Amino acid sequence: MTDPGIILRKLTSLRDHVDRLRRRREVDLATFRADLDRQDALAMSLLVAVQESVDIALHMASDEGWGVPASYGDSFALLERNGVLLPALAQQMAAMAALRNRLAHGYATVDAERLWNELPAGIAAFNAFVAAIAQHLDARA
Protein backbone atom coordinates (compact mmCIF):
# COMPACT_ATOMS: atom_id res chain seq x y z
CA MET A 1 0.00 0.00 0.00
CA THR A 2 1.20 3.49 -0.83
CA ASP A 3 2.72 5.45 2.05
CA PRO A 4 0.65 8.66 2.13
CA GLY A 5 3.32 10.54 4.09
CA ILE A 6 5.85 10.19 1.29
CA ILE A 7 3.30 11.17 -1.34
CA LEU A 8 2.10 14.18 0.67
CA ARG A 9 5.67 15.48 1.05
CA LYS A 10 6.21 15.18 -2.68
CA LEU A 11 2.85 16.86 -3.40
CA THR A 12 3.91 19.77 -1.18
CA SER A 13 7.17 20.17 -3.09
CA LEU A 14 5.30 19.86 -6.39
CA ARG A 15 2.84 22.61 -5.40
CA ASP A 16 5.73 24.86 -4.31
CA HIS A 17 7.44 24.50 -7.68
CA VAL A 18 4.19 24.99 -9.60
CA ASP A 19 3.73 28.26 -7.67
CA ARG A 20 7.25 29.27 -8.68
CA LEU A 21 6.45 28.45 -12.33
CA ARG A 22 3.37 30.64 -12.18
CA ARG A 23 5.23 33.55 -10.55
CA ARG A 24 8.17 33.34 -12.94
CA ARG A 25 5.86 33.46 -15.95
CA GLU A 26 4.03 36.60 -14.80
CA VAL A 27 6.22 38.85 -16.94
CA ASP A 28 5.45 39.38 -20.64
CA LEU A 29 7.06 37.22 -23.33
CA ALA A 30 9.54 39.89 -24.44
CA THR A 31 10.82 40.32 -20.88
CA PHE A 32 10.98 36.55 -20.43
CA ARG A 33 12.96 36.14 -23.66
CA ALA A 34 15.48 38.77 -22.55
CA ASP A 35 15.95 37.36 -19.03
CA LEU A 36 18.11 34.23 -19.19
CA ASP A 37 18.19 33.94 -15.40
CA ARG A 38 14.39 33.84 -15.30
CA GLN A 39 14.36 31.25 -18.08
CA ASP A 40 16.85 29.10 -16.19
CA ALA A 41 14.91 29.42 -12.93
CA LEU A 42 11.65 28.54 -14.66
CA ALA A 43 13.25 25.56 -16.40
CA MET A 44 14.66 24.30 -13.09
CA SER A 45 11.26 24.53 -11.40
CA LEU A 46 9.73 22.69 -14.33
CA LEU A 47 12.34 19.94 -14.05
CA VAL A 48 11.66 19.57 -10.33
CA ALA A 49 7.87 19.63 -10.79
CA VAL A 50 8.01 16.88 -13.39
CA GLN A 51 10.47 14.86 -11.32
CA GLU A 52 8.25 15.07 -8.24
CA SER A 53 5.26 14.00 -10.35
CA VAL A 54 7.16 11.06 -11.81
CA ASP A 55 8.47 10.10 -8.36
CA ILE A 56 4.88 10.02 -7.07
CA ALA A 57 3.77 7.87 -9.99
CA LEU A 58 6.70 5.46 -9.63
CA HIS A 59 6.29 5.22 -5.86
CA MET A 60 2.58 4.43 -6.19
CA ALA A 61 3.19 1.90 -8.98
CA SER A 62 5.85 0.13 -6.95
CA ASP A 63 3.88 0.07 -3.71
CA GLU A 64 0.71 -1.11 -5.41
CA GLY A 65 2.42 -3.71 -7.60
CA TRP A 66 1.25 -2.12 -10.86
CA GLY A 67 4.45 -2.83 -12.75
CA VAL A 68 7.34 -0.77 -14.02
CA PRO A 69 6.68 1.92 -16.64
CA ALA A 70 8.89 2.03 -19.72
CA SER A 71 9.40 5.80 -19.52
CA TYR A 72 8.55 8.88 -17.51
CA GLY A 73 5.58 9.51 -19.78
CA ASP A 74 4.41 5.93 -19.36
CA SER A 75 4.37 6.36 -15.58
CA PHE A 76 1.30 8.57 -16.01
CA ALA A 77 -0.35 6.05 -18.35
CA LEU A 78 0.19 3.46 -15.61
CA LEU A 79 -1.71 5.68 -13.17
CA GLU A 80 -4.46 6.04 -15.78
CA ARG A 81 -4.72 2.27 -16.29
CA ASN A 82 -5.18 1.88 -12.54
CA GLY A 83 -7.89 4.49 -12.20
CA VAL A 84 -5.85 7.26 -10.58
CA LEU A 85 -5.74 9.68 -13.54
CA LEU A 86 -8.20 10.43 -16.31
CA PRO A 87 -6.84 9.77 -19.82
CA ALA A 88 -6.59 13.46 -20.78
CA LEU A 89 -4.61 14.28 -17.63
CA ALA A 90 -2.28 11.31 -18.16
CA GLN A 91 -1.59 12.62 -21.68
CA GLN A 92 -0.99 16.18 -20.42
CA MET A 93 1.43 14.92 -17.79
CA ALA A 94 3.23 12.81 -20.39
CA ALA A 95 3.60 15.99 -22.48
CA MET A 96 5.20 17.72 -19.48
CA ALA A 97 7.56 14.75 -19.09
CA ALA A 98 8.50 15.13 -22.78
CA LEU A 99 9.17 18.85 -22.25
CA ARG A 100 11.30 17.95 -19.23
CA ASN A 101 13.29 15.55 -21.41
CA ARG A 102 13.88 18.24 -24.02
CA LEU A 103 15.15 20.58 -21.32
CA ALA A 104 17.24 18.03 -19.44
CA HIS A 105 18.83 16.35 -22.42
CA GLY A 106 18.97 19.25 -24.86
CA TYR A 107 16.87 17.53 -27.54
CA ALA A 108 16.87 20.32 -30.06
CA THR A 109 17.05 23.65 -28.38
CA VAL A 110 13.95 24.56 -26.41
CA ASP A 111 13.29 28.14 -27.27
CA ALA A 112 11.91 30.58 -24.73
CA GLU A 113 8.71 31.20 -26.69
CA ARG A 114 7.87 27.49 -26.85
CA LEU A 115 8.48 27.10 -23.13
CA TRP A 116 6.39 30.21 -22.51
CA ASN A 117 3.53 28.89 -24.64
CA GLU A 118 3.50 25.36 -23.20
CA LEU A 119 3.69 26.43 -19.58
CA PRO A 120 0.05 27.46 -18.89
CA ALA A 121 -1.24 24.03 -19.89
CA GLY A 122 1.53 22.47 -17.82
CA ILE A 123 0.63 24.46 -14.73
CA ALA A 124 -3.01 23.42 -15.13
CA ALA A 125 -1.97 19.79 -15.58
CA PHE A 126 0.24 19.85 -12.47
CA ASN A 127 -2.60 21.34 -10.43
CA ALA A 128 -5.03 18.68 -11.71
CA PHE A 129 -2.43 15.99 -10.97
CA VAL A 130 -2.09 17.17 -7.36
CA ALA A 131 -5.88 17.10 -6.99
CA ALA A 132 -6.18 13.63 -8.54
CA ILE A 133 -3.46 12.15 -6.33
CA ALA A 134 -4.94 13.76 -3.20
CA GLN A 135 -8.38 12.42 -4.14
CA HIS A 136 -6.93 8.95 -4.65
CA LEU A 137 -5.23 9.06 -1.26
CA ASP A 138 -8.42 10.27 0.42
CA ALA A 139 -10.44 7.46 -1.16
CA ARG A 140 -7.94 4.90 0.17
CA ALA A 141 -7.84 6.31 3.71
C-alpha atoms as a PDB file:
ATOM      1  CA  MET A   1       0.000   0.000   0.000  1.00  0.00           C
ATOM      2  CA  THR A   2       1.203   3.486  -0.826  1.00  0.00           C
ATOM      3  CA  ASP A   3       2.725   5.452   2.053  1.00  0.00           C
ATOM      4  CA  PRO A   4       0.647   8.658   2.128  1.00  0.00           C
ATOM      5  CA  GLY A   5       3.323  10.540   4.093  1.00  0.00           C
ATOM      6  CA  ILE A   6       5.854  10.194   1.292  1.00  0.00           C
ATOM      7  CA  ILE A   7       3.295  11.170  -1.335  1.00  0.00           C
ATOM      8  CA  LEU A   8       2.097  14.183   0.667  1.00  0.00           C
ATOM      9  CA  ARG A   9       5.674  15.477   1.054  1.00  0.00           C
ATOM     10  CA  LYS A  10       6.205  15.178  -2.683  1.00  0.00           C
ATOM     11  CA  LEU A  11       2.854  16.856  -3.397  1.00  0.00           C
ATOM     12  CA  THR A  12       3.914  19.772  -1.184  1.00  0.00           C
ATOM     13  CA  SER A  13       7.174  20.167  -3.090  1.00  0.00           C
ATOM     14  CA  LEU A  14       5.303  19.863  -6.391  1.00  0.00           C
ATOM     15  CA  ARG A  15       2.842  22.606  -5.395  1.00  0.00           C
ATOM     16  CA  ASP A  16       5.728  24.858  -4.307  1.00  0.00           C
ATOM     17  CA  HIS A  17       7.438  24.501  -7.685  1.00  0.00           C
ATOM     18  CA  VAL A  18       4.194  24.993  -9.598  1.00  0.00           C
ATOM     19  CA  ASP A  19       3.728  28.256  -7.665  1.00  0.00           C
ATOM     20  CA  ARG A  20       7.247  29.270  -8.684  1.00  0.00           C
ATOM     21  CA  LEU A  21       6.452  28.447 -12.326  1.00  0.00           C
ATOM     22  CA  ARG A  22       3.370  30.638 -12.184  1.00  0.00           C
ATOM     23  CA  ARG A  23       5.228  33.550 -10.554  1.00  0.00           C
ATOM     24  CA  ARG A  24       8.172  33.336 -12.942  1.00  0.00           C
ATOM     25  CA  ARG A  25       5.857  33.464 -15.945  1.00  0.00           C
ATOM     26  CA  GLU A  26       4.031  36.602 -14.799  1.00  0.00           C
ATOM     27  CA  VAL A  27       6.222  38.854 -16.944  1.00  0.00           C
ATOM     28  CA  ASP A  28       5.452  39.380 -20.640  1.00  0.00           C
ATOM     29  CA  LEU A  29       7.061  37.215 -23.328  1.00  0.00           C
ATOM     30  CA  ALA A  30       9.539  39.888 -24.443  1.00  0.00           C
ATOM     31  CA  THR A  31      10.818  40.319 -20.875  1.00  0.00           C
ATOM     32  CA  PHE A  32      10.985  36.553 -20.431  1.00  0.00           C
ATOM     33  CA  ARG A  33      12.960  36.136 -23.663  1.00  0.00           C
ATOM     34  CA  ALA A  34      15.481  38.770 -22.554  1.00  0.00           C
ATOM     35  CA  ASP A  35      15.947  37.357 -19.027  1.00  0.00           C
ATOM     36  CA  LEU A  36      18.113  34.233 -19.192  1.00  0.00           C
ATOM     37  CA  ASP A  37      18.194  33.937 -15.401  1.00  0.00           C
ATOM     38  CA  ARG A  38      14.385  33.841 -15.297  1.00  0.00           C
ATOM     39  CA  GLN A  39      14.360  31.254 -18.083  1.00  0.00           C
ATOM     40  CA  ASP A  40      16.853  29.101 -16.187  1.00  0.00           C
ATOM     41  CA  ALA A  41      14.907  29.420 -12.931  1.00  0.00           C
ATOM     42  CA  LEU A  42      11.654  28.536 -14.656  1.00  0.00           C
ATOM     43  CA  ALA A  43      13.247  25.559 -16.397  1.00  0.00           C
ATOM     44  CA  MET A  44      14.656  24.300 -13.089  1.00  0.00           C
ATOM     45  CA  SER A  45      11.259  24.529 -11.395  1.00  0.00           C
ATOM     46  CA  LEU A  46       9.726  22.691 -14.331  1.00  0.00           C
ATOM     47  CA  LEU A  47      12.343  19.938 -14.048  1.00  0.00           C
ATOM     48  CA  VAL A  48      11.658  19.568 -10.326  1.00  0.00           C
ATOM     49  CA  ALA A  49       7.870  19.630 -10.790  1.00  0.00           C
ATOM     50  CA  VAL A  50       8.015  16.876 -13.388  1.00  0.00           C
ATOM     51  CA  GLN A  51      10.471  14.856 -11.317  1.00  0.00           C
ATOM     52  CA  GLU A  52       8.245  15.069  -8.238  1.00  0.00           C
ATOM     53  CA  SER A  53       5.256  14.002 -10.349  1.00  0.00           C
ATOM     54  CA  VAL A  54       7.155  11.056 -11.805  1.00  0.00           C
ATOM     55  CA  ASP A  55       8.465  10.095  -8.358  1.00  0.00           C
ATOM     56  CA  ILE A  56       4.882  10.024  -7.066  1.00  0.00           C
ATOM     57  CA  ALA A  57       3.769   7.865  -9.990  1.00  0.00           C
ATOM     58  CA  LEU A  58       6.699   5.464  -9.625  1.00  0.00           C
ATOM     59  CA  HIS A  59       6.287   5.223  -5.864  1.00  0.00           C
ATOM     60  CA  MET A  60       2.585   4.430  -6.190  1.00  0.00           C
ATOM     61  CA  ALA A  61       3.185   1.896  -8.976  1.00  0.00           C
ATOM     62  CA  SER A  62       5.847   0.126  -6.952  1.00  0.00           C
ATOM     63  CA  ASP A  63       3.882   0.066  -3.709  1.00  0.00           C
ATOM     64  CA  GLU A  64       0.706  -1.114  -5.408  1.00  0.00           C
ATOM     65  CA  GLY A  65       2.424  -3.707  -7.597  1.00  0.00           C
ATOM     66  CA  TRP A  66       1.250  -2.115 -10.858  1.00  0.00           C
ATOM     67  CA  GLY A  67       4.447  -2.833 -12.750  1.00  0.00           C
ATOM     68  CA  VAL A  68       7.338  -0.773 -14.024  1.00  0.00           C
ATOM     69  CA  PRO A  69       6.679   1.918 -16.638  1.00  0.00           C
ATOM     70  CA  ALA A  70       8.888   2.032 -19.720  1.00  0.00           C
ATOM     71  CA  SER A  71       9.405   5.803 -19.517  1.00  0.00           C
ATOM     72  CA  TYR A  72       8.552   8.880 -17.509  1.00  0.00           C
ATOM     73  CA  GLY A  73       5.583   9.513 -19.784  1.00  0.00           C
ATOM     74  CA  ASP A  74       4.414   5.926 -19.361  1.00  0.00           C
ATOM     75  CA  SER A  75       4.373   6.355 -15.583  1.00  0.00           C
ATOM     76  CA  PHE A  76       1.299   8.567 -16.008  1.00  0.00           C
ATOM     77  CA  ALA A  77      -0.347   6.045 -18.354  1.00  0.00           C
ATOM     78  CA  LEU A  78       0.193   3.460 -15.614  1.00  0.00           C
ATOM     79  CA  LEU A  79      -1.710   5.680 -13.174  1.00  0.00           C
ATOM     80  CA  GLU A  80      -4.459   6.042 -15.783  1.00  0.00           C
ATOM     81  CA  ARG A  81      -4.716   2.268 -16.288  1.00  0.00           C
ATOM     82  CA  ASN A  82      -5.178   1.883 -12.539  1.00  0.00           C
ATOM     83  CA  GLY A  83      -7.893   4.494 -12.196  1.00  0.00           C
ATOM     84  CA  VAL A  84      -5.850   7.263 -10.580  1.00  0.00           C
ATOM     85  CA  LEU A  85      -5.738   9.681 -13.538  1.00  0.00           C
ATOM     86  CA  LEU A  86      -8.202  10.425 -16.311  1.00  0.00           C
ATOM     87  CA  PRO A  87      -6.841   9.774 -19.822  1.00  0.00           C
ATOM     88  CA  ALA A  88      -6.591  13.455 -20.777  1.00  0.00           C
ATOM     89  CA  LEU A  89      -4.613  14.277 -17.633  1.00  0.00           C
ATOM     90  CA  ALA A  90      -2.282  11.311 -18.161  1.00  0.00           C
ATOM     91  CA  GLN A  91      -1.588  12.624 -21.682  1.00  0.00           C
ATOM     92  CA  GLN A  92      -0.995  16.177 -20.418  1.00  0.00           C
ATOM     93  CA  MET A  93       1.435  14.923 -17.788  1.00  0.00           C
ATOM     94  CA  ALA A  94       3.229  12.808 -20.390  1.00  0.00           C
ATOM     95  CA  ALA A  95       3.601  15.987 -22.476  1.00  0.00           C
ATOM     96  CA  MET A  96       5.204  17.715 -19.481  1.00  0.00           C
ATOM     97  CA  ALA A  97       7.565  14.753 -19.095  1.00  0.00           C
ATOM     98  CA  ALA A  98       8.502  15.134 -22.780  1.00  0.00           C
ATOM     99  CA  LEU A  99       9.172  18.849 -22.249  1.00  0.00           C
ATOM    100  CA  ARG A 100      11.295  17.949 -19.230  1.00  0.00           C
ATOM    101  CA  ASN A 101      13.286  15.548 -21.406  1.00  0.00           C
ATOM    102  CA  ARG A 102      13.881  18.241 -24.023  1.00  0.00           C
ATOM    103  CA  LEU A 103      15.150  20.583 -21.316  1.00  0.00           C
ATOM    104  CA  ALA A 104      17.236  18.035 -19.437  1.00  0.00           C
ATOM    105  CA  HIS A 105      18.826  16.353 -22.421  1.00  0.00           C
ATOM    106  CA  GLY A 106      18.969  19.245 -24.857  1.00  0.00           C
ATOM    107  CA  TYR A 107      16.874  17.529 -27.536  1.00  0.00           C
ATOM    108  CA  ALA A 108      16.868  20.318 -30.057  1.00  0.00           C
ATOM    109  CA  THR A 109      17.046  23.652 -28.383  1.00  0.00           C
ATOM    110  CA  VAL A 110      13.952  24.556 -26.409  1.00  0.00           C
ATOM    111  CA  ASP A 111      13.286  28.141 -27.267  1.00  0.00           C
ATOM    112  CA  ALA A 112      11.909  30.581 -24.731  1.00  0.00           C
ATOM    113  CA  GLU A 113       8.714  31.197 -26.691  1.00  0.00           C
ATOM    114  CA  ARG A 114       7.874  27.490 -26.849  1.00  0.00           C
ATOM    115  CA  LEU A 115       8.482  27.095 -23.130  1.00  0.00           C
ATOM    116  CA  TRP A 116       6.388  30.212 -22.511  1.00  0.00           C
ATOM    117  CA  ASN A 117       3.526  28.888 -24.638  1.00  0.00           C
ATOM    118  CA  GLU A 118       3.503  25.357 -23.197  1.00  0.00           C
ATOM    119  CA  LEU A 119       3.687  26.429 -19.580  1.00  0.00           C
ATOM    120  CA  PRO A 120       0.049  27.464 -18.885  1.00  0.00           C
ATOM    121  CA  ALA A 121      -1.236  24.025 -19.886  1.00  0.00           C
ATOM    122  CA  GLY A 122       1.527  22.465 -17.822  1.00  0.00           C
ATOM    123  CA  ILE A 123       0.627  24.460 -14.727  1.00  0.00           C
ATOM    124  CA  ALA A 124      -3.014  23.422 -15.131  1.00  0.00           C
ATOM    125  CA  ALA A 125      -1.969  19.785 -15.576  1.00  0.00           C
ATOM    126  CA  PHE A 126       0.237  19.851 -12.472  1.00  0.00           C
ATOM    127  CA  ASN A 127      -2.604  21.341 -10.429  1.00  0.00           C
ATOM    128  CA  ALA A 128      -5.026  18.684 -11.710  1.00  0.00           C
ATOM    129  CA  PHE A 129      -2.429  15.988 -10.974  1.00  0.00           C
ATOM    130  CA  VAL A 130      -2.086  17.172  -7.363  1.00  0.00           C
ATOM    131  CA  ALA A 131      -5.881  17.101  -6.990  1.00  0.00           C
ATOM    132  CA  ALA A 132      -6.180  13.629  -8.535  1.00  0.00           C
ATOM    133  CA  ILE A 133      -3.457  12.150  -6.328  1.00  0.00           C
ATOM    134  CA  ALA A 134      -4.938  13.762  -3.204  1.00  0.00           C
ATOM    135  CA  GLN A 135      -8.381  12.424  -4.140  1.00  0.00           C
ATOM    136  CA  HIS A 136      -6.928   8.946  -4.651  1.00  0.00           C
ATOM    137  CA  LEU A 137      -5.227   9.064  -1.257  1.00  0.00           C
ATOM    138  CA  ASP A 138      -8.424  10.272   0.418  1.00  0.00           C
ATOM    139  CA  ALA A 139     -10.442   7.456  -1.163  1.00  0.00           C
ATOM    140  CA  ARG A 140      -7.942   4.904   0.169  1.00  0.00           C
ATOM    141  CA  ALA A 141      -7.843   6.315   3.709  1.00  0.00           C
END
